[in-house]
Amino acid sequence: YTDTAEIIRATLRKLDGMDEAAAPPYLRGYLQAIRQTSLG
């Protein structure tokens, strides 16, 4: 993904309340990245 910081923030907002199974292909990549990112 080559998204800018602004696009990343906007895309994360699109995940608000979205069930994992309902995510379209583009957003599934974001879900995968979330699973690989430290929580703190």
Full PDB file with SEQRES, HELIX, SHEET, SSBOND, CRYST1, ORIGX, SCALE, CONECT and MASTER records, all heavy atoms in Angstrom:
SEQRES   1 A   40  TYR THR ASP THR ALA GLU ILE ILE ARG ALA THR LEU ARG          
SEQRES   2 A   40  LYS LEU ASP GLY MET ASP GLU ALA ALA ALA PRO PRO TYR          
SEQRES   3 A   40  LEU ARG GLY TYR LEU GLN ALA ILE ARG GLN THR SER LEU          
SEQRES   4 A   40  GLY                                                          
HELIX    1 AA1 ALA A    5  LYS A   14  1                                  10    
HELIX    2 AA2 GLU A   20  ALA A   22  5                                   3    
HELIX    3 AA3 PRO A   25  GLN A   36  1                                  12    
CRYST1    1.000    1.000    1.000  90.00  90.00  90.00 P 1           1          
ORIGX1      1.000000  0.000000  0.000000        0.00000                         
ORIGX2      0.000000  1.000000  0.000000        0.00000                         
ORIGX3      0.000000  0.000000  1.000000        0.00000                         
SCALE1      1.000000  0.000000  0.000000        0.00000                         
SCALE2      0.000000  1.000000  0.000000        0.00000                         
SCALE3      0.000000  0.000000  1.000000        0.00000                         
ATOM      1  N   TYR A   1       0.865  -1.180   0.000  1.00  0.00           N  
ATOM      2  CA  TYR A   1       0.000   0.000   0.000  1.00  0.00           C  
ATOM      3  C   TYR A   1       0.904   1.233   0.000  1.00  0.00           C  
ATOM      4  O   TYR A   1       1.896   1.281   0.725  1.00  0.00           O  
ATOM      5  CB  TYR A   1      -0.888   0.026   1.243  1.00  0.00           C  
ATOM      6  CG  TYR A   1      -2.066  -0.917   1.201  1.00  0.00           C  
ATOM      7  CD1 TYR A   1      -1.895  -2.284   1.393  1.00  0.00           C  
ATOM      8  CD2 TYR A   1      -3.352  -0.443   0.969  1.00  0.00           C  
ATOM      9  CE1 TYR A   1      -2.977  -3.147   1.357  1.00  0.00           C  
ATOM     10  CE2 TYR A   1      -4.447  -1.298   0.938  1.00  0.00           C  
ATOM     11  CZ  TYR A   1      -4.251  -2.656   1.129  1.00  0.00           C  
ATOM     12  OH  TYR A   1      -5.318  -3.507   1.094  1.00  0.00           O  
ATOM     13  N   THR A   2       0.545   2.216  -0.773  1.00  0.00           N  
ATOM     14  CA  THR A   2       1.341   3.449  -0.844  1.00  0.00           C  
ATOM     15  C   THR A   2       0.538   4.650  -0.351  1.00  0.00           C  
ATOM     16  O   THR A   2       0.784   5.785  -0.759  1.00  0.00           O  
ATOM     17  CB  THR A   2       1.813   3.708  -2.292  1.00  0.00           C  
ATOM     18  OG1 THR A   2       0.665   3.783  -3.156  1.00  0.00           O  
ATOM     19  CG2 THR A   2       2.746   2.598  -2.758  1.00  0.00           C  
ATOM     20  N   ASP A   3      -0.404   4.407   0.535  1.00  0.00           N  
ATOM     21  CA  ASP A   3      -1.298   5.464   1.018  1.00  0.00           C  
ATOM     22  C   ASP A   3      -0.551   6.506   1.846  1.00  0.00           C  
ATOM     23  O   ASP A   3       0.360   6.173   2.617  1.00  0.00           O  
ATOM     24  CB  ASP A   3      -2.414   4.855   1.870  1.00  0.00           C  
ATOM     25  CG  ASP A   3      -3.323   3.944   1.063  1.00  0.00           C  
ATOM     26  OD1 ASP A   3      -3.230   3.982  -0.182  1.00  0.00           O  
ATOM     27  OD2 ASP A   3      -4.110   3.193   1.670  1.00  0.00           O  
ATOM     28  N   THR A   4      -0.946   7.750   1.693  1.00  0.00           N  
ATOM     29  CA  THR A   4      -0.392   8.826   2.510  1.00  0.00           C  
ATOM     30  C   THR A   4      -0.961   8.740   3.915  1.00  0.00           C  
ATOM     31  O   THR A   4      -1.930   8.010   4.174  1.00  0.00           O  
ATOM     32  CB  THR A   4      -0.759  10.190   1.923  1.00  0.00           C  
ATOM     33  OG1 THR A   4      -2.198  10.346   1.976  1.00  0.00           O  
ATOM     34  CG2 THR A   4      -0.262  10.321   0.489  1.00  0.00           C  
ATOM     35  N   ALA A   5      -0.365   9.489   4.848  1.00  0.00           N  
ATOM     36  CA  ALA A   5      -0.846   9.502   6.235  1.00  0.00           C  
ATOM     37  C   ALA A   5      -2.309   9.927   6.285  1.00  0.00           C  
ATOM     38  O   ALA A   5      -3.110   9.368   7.053  1.00  0.00           O  
ATOM     39  CB  ALA A   5       0.018  10.437   7.076  1.00  0.00           C  
ATOM     40  N   GLU A   6      -2.681  10.906   5.466  1.00  0.00           N  
ATOM     41  CA  GLU A   6      -4.067  11.385   5.446  1.00  0.00           C  
ATOM     42  C   GLU A   6      -5.019  10.296   4.968  1.00  0.00           C  
ATOM     43  O   GLU A   6      -6.104  10.092   5.551  1.00  0.00           O  
ATOM     44  CB  GLU A   6      -4.176  12.609   4.534  1.00  0.00           C  
ATOM     45  CG  GLU A   6      -5.557  13.240   4.535  1.00  0.00           C  
ATOM     46  CD  GLU A   6      -5.632  14.483   3.661  1.00  0.00           C  
ATOM     47  OE1 GLU A   6      -4.587  14.898   3.111  1.00  0.00           O  
ATOM     48  OE2 GLU A   6      -6.743  15.041   3.526  1.00  0.00           O  
ATOM     49  N   ILE A   7      -4.616   9.559   3.941  1.00  0.00           N  
ATOM     50  CA  ILE A   7      -5.469   8.479   3.424  1.00  0.00           C  
ATOM     51  C   ILE A   7      -5.560   7.343   4.437  1.00  0.00           C  
ATOM     52  O   ILE A   7      -6.627   6.740   4.614  1.00  0.00           O  
ATOM     53  CB  ILE A   7      -4.937   7.961   2.072  1.00  0.00           C  
ATOM     54  CG1 ILE A   7      -5.111   9.044   1.001  1.00  0.00           C  
ATOM     55  CG2 ILE A   7      -5.646   6.677   1.658  1.00  0.00           C  
ATOM     56  CD1 ILE A   7      -4.504   8.679  -0.344  1.00  0.00           C  
ATOM     57  N   ILE A   8      -4.459   7.051   5.121  1.00  0.00           N  
ATOM     58  CA  ILE A   8      -4.489   5.987   6.140  1.00  0.00           C  
ATOM     59  C   ILE A   8      -5.490   6.341   7.230  1.00  0.00           C  
ATOM     60  O   ILE A   8      -6.319   5.504   7.639  1.00  0.00           O  
ATOM     61  CB  ILE A   8      -3.085   5.769   6.743  1.00  0.00           C  
ATOM     62  CG1 ILE A   8      -2.155   5.168   5.696  1.00  0.00           C  
ATOM     63  CG2 ILE A   8      -3.164   4.851   7.970  1.00  0.00           C  
ATOM     64  CD1 ILE A   8      -0.708   5.062   6.150  1.00  0.00           C  
ATOM     65  N   ARG A   9      -5.457   7.580   7.695  1.00  0.00           N  
ATOM     66  CA  ARG A   9      -6.403   7.995   8.737  1.00  0.00           C  
ATOM     67  C   ARG A   9      -7.845   7.889   8.232  1.00  0.00           C  
ATOM     68  O   ARG A   9      -8.729   7.394   8.939  1.00  0.00           O  
ATOM     69  CB  ARG A   9      -6.103   9.418   9.195  1.00  0.00           C  
ATOM     70  CG  ARG A   9      -4.785   9.558   9.954  1.00  0.00           C  
ATOM     71  CD  ARG A   9      -4.698  10.898  10.663  1.00  0.00           C  
ATOM     72  NE  ARG A   9      -4.692  12.017   9.730  1.00  0.00           N  
ATOM     73  CZ  ARG A   9      -3.603  12.551   9.195  1.00  0.00           C  
ATOM     74  NH1 ARG A   9      -2.404  12.037   9.480  1.00  0.00           N  
ATOM     75  NH2 ARG A   9      -3.682  13.581   8.365  1.00  0.00           N  
ATOM     76  N   ALA A  10      -8.063   8.343   7.010  1.00  0.00           N  
ATOM     77  CA  ALA A  10      -9.418   8.292   6.444  1.00  0.00           C  
ATOM     78  C   ALA A  10      -9.892   6.849   6.274  1.00  0.00           C  
ATOM     79  O   ALA A  10     -11.064   6.535   6.510  1.00  0.00           O  
ATOM     80  CB  ALA A  10      -9.440   9.024   5.098  1.00  0.00           C  
ATOM     81  N   THR A  11      -8.980   5.970   5.868  1.00  0.00           N  
ATOM     82  CA  THR A  11      -9.358   4.568   5.657  1.00  0.00           C  
ATOM     83  C   THR A  11      -9.639   3.873   6.976  1.00  0.00           C  
ATOM     84  O   THR A  11     -10.568   3.053   7.085  1.00  0.00           O  
ATOM     85  CB  THR A  11      -8.255   3.833   4.875  1.00  0.00           C  
ATOM     86  OG1 THR A  11      -7.959   4.553   3.682  1.00  0.00           O  
ATOM     87  CG2 THR A  11      -8.700   2.417   4.510  1.00  0.00           C  
ATOM     88  N   LEU A  12      -8.852   4.178   8.004  1.00  0.00           N  
ATOM     89  CA  LEU A  12      -9.121   3.613   9.329  1.00  0.00           C  
ATOM     90  C   LEU A  12     -10.513   4.011   9.809  1.00  0.00           C  
ATOM     91  O   LEU A  12     -11.214   3.219  10.445  1.00  0.00           O  
ATOM     92  CB  LEU A  12      -8.052   4.064  10.324  1.00  0.00           C  
ATOM     93  CG  LEU A  12      -6.657   3.457  10.144  1.00  0.00           C  
ATOM     94  CD1 LEU A  12      -5.655   4.143  11.070  1.00  0.00           C  
ATOM     95  CD2 LEU A  12      -6.666   1.947  10.402  1.00  0.00           C  
ATOM     96  N   ARG A  13     -10.910   5.224   9.491  1.00  0.00           N  
ATOM     97  CA  ARG A  13     -12.255   5.676   9.874  1.00  0.00           C  
ATOM     98  C   ARG A  13     -13.332   4.824   9.199  1.00  0.00           C  
ATOM     99  O   ARG A  13     -14.398   4.582   9.767  1.00  0.00           O  
ATOM    100  CB  ARG A  13     -12.461   7.142   9.512  1.00  0.00           C  
ATOM    101  CG  ARG A  13     -11.611   8.120  10.305  1.00  0.00           C  
ATOM    102  CD  ARG A  13     -11.922   9.545   9.866  1.00  0.00           C  
ATOM    103  NE  ARG A  13     -10.922  10.476  10.337  1.00  0.00           N  
ATOM    104  CZ  ARG A  13     -10.869  10.972  11.573  1.00  0.00           C  
ATOM    105  NH1 ARG A  13     -11.793  10.611  12.449  1.00  0.00           N  
ATOM    106  NH2 ARG A  13      -9.927  11.817  11.934  1.00  0.00           N  
ATOM    107  N   LYS A  14     -13.057   4.374   7.975  1.00  0.00           N  
ATOM    108  CA  LYS A  14     -14.035   3.551   7.253  1.00  0.00           C  
ATOM    109  C   LYS A  14     -14.249   2.202   7.939  1.00  0.00           C  
ATOM    110  O   LYS A  14     -15.265   1.531   7.704  1.00  0.00           O  
ATOM    111  CB  LYS A  14     -13.571   3.331   5.820  1.00  0.00           C  
ATOM    112  CG  LYS A  14     -13.589   4.587   4.964  1.00  0.00           C  
ATOM    113  CD  LYS A  14     -13.082   4.290   3.557  1.00  0.00           C  
ATOM    114  CE  LYS A  14     -13.048   5.560   2.711  1.00  0.00           C  
ATOM    115  NZ  LYS A  14     -12.519   5.301   1.340  1.00  0.00           N  
ATOM    116  N   LEU A  15     -13.272   1.788   8.756  1.00  0.00           N  
ATOM    117  CA  LEU A  15     -13.390   0.495   9.448  1.00  0.00           C  
ATOM    118  C   LEU A  15     -14.253   0.587  10.706  1.00  0.00           C  
ATOM    119  O   LEU A  15     -14.537  -0.429  11.334  1.00  0.00           O  
ATOM    120  CB  LEU A  15     -12.006  -0.020   9.833  1.00  0.00           C  
ATOM    121  CG  LEU A  15     -11.075  -0.374   8.674  1.00  0.00           C  
ATOM    122  CD1 LEU A  15      -9.697  -0.745   9.205  1.00  0.00           C  
ATOM    123  CD2 LEU A  15     -11.657  -1.520   7.849  1.00  0.00           C  
ATOM    124  N   ASP A  16     -14.642   1.797  11.079  1.00  0.00           N  
ATOM    125  CA  ASP A  16     -15.436   2.001  12.290  1.00  0.00           C  
ATOM    126  C   ASP A  16     -16.708   1.159  12.248  1.00  0.00           C  
ATOM    127  O   ASP A  16     -17.574   1.361  11.385  1.00  0.00           O  
ATOM    128  CB  ASP A  16     -15.799   3.484  12.412  1.00  0.00           C  
ATOM    129  CG  ASP A  16     -16.600   3.793  13.663  1.00  0.00           C  
ATOM    130  OD1 ASP A  16     -16.538   3.006  14.630  1.00  0.00           O  
ATOM    131  OD2 ASP A  16     -17.285   4.838  13.685  1.00  0.00           O  
ATOM    132  N   GLY A  17     -16.811   0.181  13.161  1.00  0.00           N  
ATOM    133  CA  GLY A  17     -18.012  -0.635  13.262  1.00  0.00           C  
ATOM    134  C   GLY A  17     -18.154  -1.705  12.198  1.00  0.00           C  
ATOM    135  O   GLY A  17     -19.169  -2.408  12.165  1.00  0.00           O  
ATOM    136  N   MET A  18     -17.158  -1.864  11.327  1.00  0.00           N  
ATOM    137  CA  MET A  18     -17.283  -2.824  10.223  1.00  0.00           C  
ATOM    138  C   MET A  18     -16.847  -4.220  10.650  1.00  0.00           C  
ATOM    139  O   MET A  18     -15.745  -4.418  11.155  1.00  0.00           O  
ATOM    140  CB  MET A  18     -16.433  -2.364   9.035  1.00  0.00           C  
ATOM    141  CG  MET A  18     -16.531  -3.295   7.824  1.00  0.00           C  
ATOM    142  SD  MET A  18     -15.513  -2.717   6.433  1.00  0.00           S  
ATOM    143  CE  MET A  18     -16.433  -1.238   5.960  1.00  0.00           C  
ATOM    144  N   ASP A  19     -17.726  -5.203  10.449  1.00  0.00           N  
ATOM    145  CA  ASP A  19     -17.365  -6.584  10.736  1.00  0.00           C  
ATOM    146  C   ASP A  19     -16.279  -7.047   9.771  1.00  0.00           C  
ATOM    147  O   ASP A  19     -16.269  -6.656   8.589  1.00  0.00           O  
ATOM    148  CB  ASP A  19     -18.586  -7.498  10.609  1.00  0.00           C  
ATOM    149  CG  ASP A  19     -19.580  -7.285  11.743  1.00  0.00           C  
ATOM    150  OD1 ASP A  19     -19.144  -6.917  12.846  1.00  0.00           O  
ATOM    151  OD2 ASP A  19     -20.792  -7.467  11.508  1.00  0.00           O  
ATOM    152  N   GLU A  20     -15.400  -7.888  10.259  1.00  0.00           N  
ATOM    153  CA  GLU A  20     -14.277  -8.353   9.442  1.00  0.00           C  
ATOM    154  C   GLU A  20     -14.750  -9.034   8.170  1.00  0.00           C  
ATOM    155  O   GLU A  20     -14.200  -8.815   7.084  1.00  0.00           O  
ATOM    156  CB  GLU A  20     -13.412  -9.298  10.275  1.00  0.00           C  
ATOM    157  CG  GLU A  20     -12.095  -9.640   9.661  1.00  0.00           C  
ATOM    158  CD  GLU A  20     -11.183 -10.396  10.614  1.00  0.00           C  
ATOM    159  OE1 GLU A  20     -11.653 -10.844  11.683  1.00  0.00           O  
ATOM    160  OE2 GLU A  20      -9.995 -10.530  10.294  1.00  0.00           O  
ATOM    161  N   ALA A  21     -15.794  -9.847   8.272  1.00  0.00           N  
ATOM    162  CA  ALA A  21     -16.271 -10.604   7.108  1.00  0.00           C  
ATOM    163  C   ALA A  21     -16.888  -9.698   6.047  1.00  0.00           C  
ATOM    164  O   ALA A  21     -16.964 -10.071   4.875  1.00  0.00           O  
ATOM    165  CB  ALA A  21     -17.297 -11.645   7.553  1.00  0.00           C  
ATOM    166  N   ALA A  22     -17.321  -8.505   6.469  1.00  0.00           N  
ATOM    167  CA  ALA A  22     -17.991  -7.605   5.530  1.00  0.00           C  
ATOM    168  C   ALA A  22     -17.028  -6.667   4.823  1.00  0.00           C  
ATOM    169  O   ALA A  22     -17.437  -5.914   3.933  1.00  0.00           O  
ATOM    170  CB  ALA A  22     -19.051  -6.783   6.271  1.00  0.00           C  
ATOM    171  N   ALA A  23     -15.761  -6.707   5.171  1.00  0.00           N  
ATOM    172  CA  ALA A  23     -14.797  -5.762   4.605  1.00  0.00           C  
ATOM    173  C   ALA A  23     -14.512  -6.084   3.137  1.00  0.00           C  
ATOM    174  O   ALA A  23     -14.238  -7.233   2.795  1.00  0.00           O  
ATOM    175  CB  ALA A  23     -13.505  -5.794   5.403  1.00  0.00           C  
ATOM    176  N   PRO A  24     -14.556  -5.078   2.241  1.00  0.00           N  
ATOM    177  CA  PRO A  24     -14.198  -5.307   0.839  1.00  0.00           C  
ATOM    178  C   PRO A  24     -12.695  -5.576   0.719  1.00  0.00           C  
ATOM    179  O   PRO A  24     -11.940  -5.316   1.661  1.00  0.00           O  
ATOM    180  CB  PRO A  24     -14.587  -3.986   0.163  1.00  0.00           C  
ATOM    181  CG  PRO A  24     -14.588  -2.974   1.254  1.00  0.00           C  
ATOM    182  CD  PRO A  24     -14.980  -3.694   2.497  1.00  0.00           C  
ATOM    183  N   PRO A  25     -12.258  -6.094  -0.418  1.00  0.00           N  
ATOM    184  CA  PRO A  25     -10.849  -6.504  -0.566  1.00  0.00           C  
ATOM    185  C   PRO A  25      -9.831  -5.445  -0.162  1.00  0.00           C  
ATOM    186  O   PRO A  25      -8.843  -5.755   0.504  1.00  0.00           O  
ATOM    187  CB  PRO A  25     -10.750  -6.847  -2.054  1.00  0.00           C  
ATOM    188  CG  PRO A  25     -12.135  -7.294  -2.417  1.00  0.00           C  
ATOM    189  CD  PRO A  25     -13.062  -6.442  -1.612  1.00  0.00           C  
ATOM    190  N   TYR A  26     -10.039  -4.189  -0.566  1.00  0.00           N  
ATOM    191  CA  TYR A  26      -9.062  -3.147  -0.245  1.00  0.00           C  
ATOM    192  C   TYR A  26      -8.909  -2.985   1.257  1.00  0.00           C  
ATOM    193  O   TYR A  26      -7.799  -2.837   1.773  1.00  0.00           O  
ATOM    194  CB  TYR A  26      -9.494  -1.821  -0.872  1.00  0.00           C  
ATOM    195  CG  TYR A  26      -8.513  -0.690  -0.624  1.00  0.00           C  
ATOM    196  CD1 TYR A  26      -7.355  -0.581  -1.383  1.00  0.00           C  
ATOM    197  CD2 TYR A  26      -8.747   0.260   0.371  1.00  0.00           C  
ATOM    198  CE1 TYR A  26      -6.448   0.441  -1.166  1.00  0.00           C  
ATOM    199  CE2 TYR A  26      -7.847   1.290   0.602  1.00  0.00           C  
ATOM    200  CZ  TYR A  26      -6.700   1.377  -0.173  1.00  0.00           C  
ATOM    201  OH  TYR A  26      -5.807   2.392   0.056  1.00  0.00           O  
ATOM    202  N   LEU A  27     -10.012  -3.029   1.989  1.00  0.00           N  
ATOM    203  CA  LEU A  27      -9.964  -2.841   3.434  1.00  0.00           C  
ATOM    204  C   LEU A  27      -9.445  -4.083   4.156  1.00  0.00           C  
ATOM    205  O   LEU A  27      -8.936  -3.979   5.263  1.00  0.00           O  
ATOM    206  CB  LEU A  27     -11.351  -2.468   3.965  1.00  0.00           C  
ATOM    207  CG  LEU A  27     -11.883  -1.095   3.526  1.00  0.00           C  
ATOM    208  CD1 LEU A  27     -13.232  -0.811   4.176  1.00  0.00           C  
ATOM    209  CD2 LEU A  27     -10.888   0.008   3.868  1.00  0.00           C  
ATOM    210  N   ARG A  28      -9.534  -5.232   3.531  1.00  0.00           N  
ATOM    211  CA  ARG A  28      -9.002  -6.444   4.172  1.00  0.00           C  
ATOM    212  C   ARG A  28      -7.499  -6.345   4.355  1.00  0.00           C  
ATOM    213  O   ARG A  28      -6.932  -6.879   5.308  1.00  0.00           O  
ATOM    214  CB  ARG A  28      -9.349  -7.687   3.339  1.00  0.00           C  
ATOM    215  CG  ARG A  28     -10.803  -8.103   3.463  1.00  0.00           C  
ATOM    216  CD  ARG A  28     -11.140  -9.290   2.608  1.00  0.00           C  
ATOM    217  NE  ARG A  28     -12.583  -9.371   2.372  1.00  0.00           N  
ATOM    218  CZ  ARG A  28     -13.142  -9.977   1.336  1.00  0.00           C  
ATOM    219  NH1 ARG A  28     -12.375 -10.575   0.432  1.00  0.00           N  
ATOM    220  NH2 ARG A  28     -14.442  -9.988   1.211  1.00  0.00           N  
ATOM    221  N   GLY A  29      -6.834  -5.655   3.451  1.00  0.00           N  
ATOM    222  CA  GLY A  29      -5.400  -5.414   3.611  1.00  0.00           C  
ATOM    223  C   GLY A  29      -5.128  -4.599   4.861  1.00  0.00           C  
ATOM    224  O   GLY A  29      -4.143  -4.842   5.571  1.00  0.00           O  
ATOM    225  N   TYR A  30      -5.993  -3.646   5.150  1.00  0.00           N  
ATOM    226  CA  TYR A  30      -5.862  -2.848   6.366  1.00  0.00           C  
ATOM    227  C   TYR A  30      -6.070  -3.721   7.606  1.00  0.00           C  
ATOM    228  O   TYR A  30      -5.349  -3.589   8.597  1.00  0.00           O  
ATOM    229  CB  TYR A  30      -6.865  -1.692   6.358  1.00  0.00           C  
ATOM    230  CG  TYR A  30      -6.284  -0.417   5.785  1.00  0.00           C  
ATOM    231  CD1 TYR A  30      -6.062  -0.290   4.419  1.00  0.00           C  
ATOM    232  CD2 TYR A  30      -5.939   0.643   6.607  1.00  0.00           C  
ATOM    233  CE1 TYR A  30      -5.520   0.872   3.886  1.00  0.00           C  
ATOM    234  CE2 TYR A  30      -5.394   1.812   6.092  1.00  0.00           C  
ATOM    235  CZ  TYR A  30      -5.179   1.919   4.726  1.00  0.00           C  
ATOM    236  OH  TYR A  30      -4.620   3.070   4.214  1.00  0.00           O  
ATOM    237  N   LEU A  31      -7.031  -4.609   7.542  1.00  0.00           N  
ATOM    238  CA  LEU A  31      -7.257  -5.513   8.677  1.00  0.00           C  
ATOM    239  C   LEU A  31      -6.035  -6.399   8.902  1.00  0.00           C  
ATOM    240  O   LEU A  31      -5.647  -6.656  10.047  1.00  0.00           O  
ATOM    241  CB  LEU A  31      -8.504  -6.369   8.427  1.00  0.00           C  
ATOM    242  CG  LEU A  31      -9.832  -5.623   8.244  1.00  0.00           C  
ATOM    243  CD1 LEU A  31     -10.969  -6.607   8.042  1.00  0.00           C  
ATOM    244  CD2 LEU A  31     -10.127  -4.724   9.428  1.00  0.00           C  
ATOM    245  N   GLN A  32      -5.442  -6.844   7.812  1.00  0.00           N  
ATOM    246  CA  GLN A  32      -4.227  -7.670   7.922  1.00  0.00           C  
ATOM    247  C   GLN A  32      -3.088  -6.864   8.542  1.00  0.00           C  
ATOM    248  O   GLN A  32      -2.353  -7.361   9.412  1.00  0.00           O  
ATOM    249  CB  GLN A  32      -3.810  -8.180   6.539  1.00  0.00           C  
ATOM    250  CG  GLN A  32      -2.613  -9.119   6.577  1.00  0.00           C  
ATOM    251  CD  GLN A  32      -2.243  -9.642   5.199  1.00  0.00           C  
ATOM    252  OE1 GLN A  32      -3.031  -9.546   4.244  1.00  0.00           O  
ATOM    253  NE2 GLN A  32      -1.039 -10.181   5.075  1.00  0.00           N  
ATOM    254  N   ALA A  33      -2.942  -5.604   8.136  1.00  0.00           N  
ATOM    255  CA  ALA A  33      -1.892  -4.748   8.685  1.00  0.00           C  
ATOM    256  C   ALA A  33      -2.120  -4.490  10.179  1.00  0.00           C  
ATOM    257  O   ALA A  33      -1.170  -4.469  10.968  1.00  0.00           O  
ATOM    258  CB  ALA A  33      -1.841  -3.425   7.932  1.00  0.00           C  
ATOM    259  N   ILE A  34      -3.378  -4.327  10.554  1.00  0.00           N  
ATOM    260  CA  ILE A  34      -3.705  -4.125  11.974  1.00  0.00           C  
ATOM    261  C   ILE A  34      -3.274  -5.330  12.790  1.00  0.00           C  
ATOM    262  O   ILE A  34      -2.715  -5.200  13.881  1.00  0.00           O  
ATOM    263  CB  ILE A  34      -5.214  -3.850  12.140  1.00  0.00           C  
ATOM    264  CG1 ILE A  34      -5.544  -2.438  11.654  1.00  0.00           C  
ATOM    265  CG2 ILE A  34      -5.650  -4.027  13.595  1.00  0.00           C  
ATOM    266  CD1 ILE A  34      -7.023  -2.129  11.585  1.00  0.00           C  
ATOM    267  N   ARG A  35      -3.498  -6.507  12.261  1.00  0.00           N  
ATOM    268  CA  ARG A  35      -3.131  -7.726  13.002  1.00  0.00           C  
ATOM    269  C   ARG A  35      -1.611  -7.866  13.150  1.00  0.00           C  
ATOM    270  O   ARG A  35      -1.141  -8.577  14.020  1.00  0.00           O  
ATOM    271  CB  ARG A  35      -3.702  -8.958  12.306  1.00  0.00           C  
ATOM    272  CG  ARG A  35      -5.233  -9.044  12.374  1.00  0.00           C  
ATOM    273  CD  ARG A  35      -5.708 -10.471  12.310  1.00  0.00           C  
ATOM    274  NE  ARG A  35      -7.159 -10.590  12.347  1.00  0.00           N  
ATOM    275  CZ  ARG A  35      -7.894 -10.588  13.445  1.00  0.00           C  
ATOM    276  NH1 ARG A  35      -7.311 -10.429  14.619  1.00  0.00           N  
ATOM    277  NH2 ARG A  35      -9.210 -10.727  13.391  1.00  0.00           N  
ATOM    278  N   GLN A  36      -0.862  -7.194  12.296  1.00  0.00           N  
ATOM    279  CA  GLN A  36       0.596  -7.288  12.338  1.00  0.00           C  
ATOM    280  C   GLN A  36       1.249  -6.117  13.077  1.00  0.00           C  
ATOM    281  O   GLN A  36       2.461  -6.081  13.239  1.00  0.00           O  
ATOM    282  CB  GLN A  36       1.136  -7.352  10.902  1.00  0.00           C  
ATOM    283  CG  GLN A  36       0.710  -8.616  10.162  1.00  0.00           C  
ATOM    284  CD  GLN A  36       1.011  -8.552   8.672  1.00  0.00           C  
ATOM    285  OE1 GLN A  36       1.397  -7.516   8.148  1.00  0.00           O  
ATOM    286  NE2 GLN A  36       0.810  -9.666   7.982  1.00  0.00           N  
ATOM    287  N   THR A  37       0.436  -5.157  13.538  1.00  0.00           N  
ATOM    288  CA  THR A  37       0.952  -3.945  14.164  1.00  0.00           C  
ATOM    289  C   THR A  37       0.883  -4.044  15.680  1.00  0.00           C  
ATOM    290  O   THR A  37      -0.112  -4.528  16.232  1.00  0.00           O  
ATOM    291  CB  THR A  37       0.151  -2.716  13.687  1.00  0.00           C  
ATOM    292  OG1 THR A  37       0.262  -2.615  12.269  1.00  0.00           O  
ATOM    293  CG2 THR A  37       0.665  -1.434  14.333  1.00  0.00           C  
ATOM    294  N   SER A  38       1.917  -3.563  16.345  1.00  0.00           N  
ATOM    295  CA  SER A  38       1.950  -3.587  17.810  1.00  0.00           C  
ATOM    296  C   SER A  38       0.798  -2.778  18.385  1.00  0.00           C  
ATOM    297  O   SER A  38       0.459  -1.698  17.882  1.00  0.00           O  
ATOM    298  CB  SER A  38       3.283  -3.013  18.303  1.00  0.00           C  
ATOM    299  OG  SER A  38       3.266  -2.848  19.697  1.00  0.00           O  
ATOM    300  N   LEU A  39       0.223  -3.284  19.466  1.00  0.00           N  
ATOM    301  CA  LEU A  39      -0.865  -2.580  20.147  1.00  0.00           C  
ATOM    302  C   LEU A  39      -0.350  -1.616  21.210  1.00  0.00           C  
ATOM    303  O   LEU A  39      -1.135  -1.040  21.960  1.00  0.00           O  
ATOM    304  CB  LEU A  39      -1.833  -3.588  20.784  1.00  0.00           C  
ATOM    305  CG  LEU A  39      -2.769  -4.300  19.816  1.00  0.00           C  
ATOM    306  CD1 LEU A  39      -3.551  -5.396  20.528  1.00  0.00           C  
ATOM    307  CD2 LEU A  39      -3.720  -3.314  19.153  1.00  0.00           C  
ATOM    308  N   GLY A  40       0.935  -1.445  21.296  1.00  0.00           N  
ATOM    309  CA  GLY A  40       1.504  -0.524  22.274  1.00  0.00           C  
ATOM    310  C   GLY A  40       2.979  -0.794  22.457  1.00  0.00           C  
ATOM    311  O   GLY A  40       3.519  -1.752  21.902  1.00  0.00           O  
TER     312      GLY A  40                                                      
MASTER        0    0    0    3    0    0    0    6  311    1    0    4          
END                                                                             
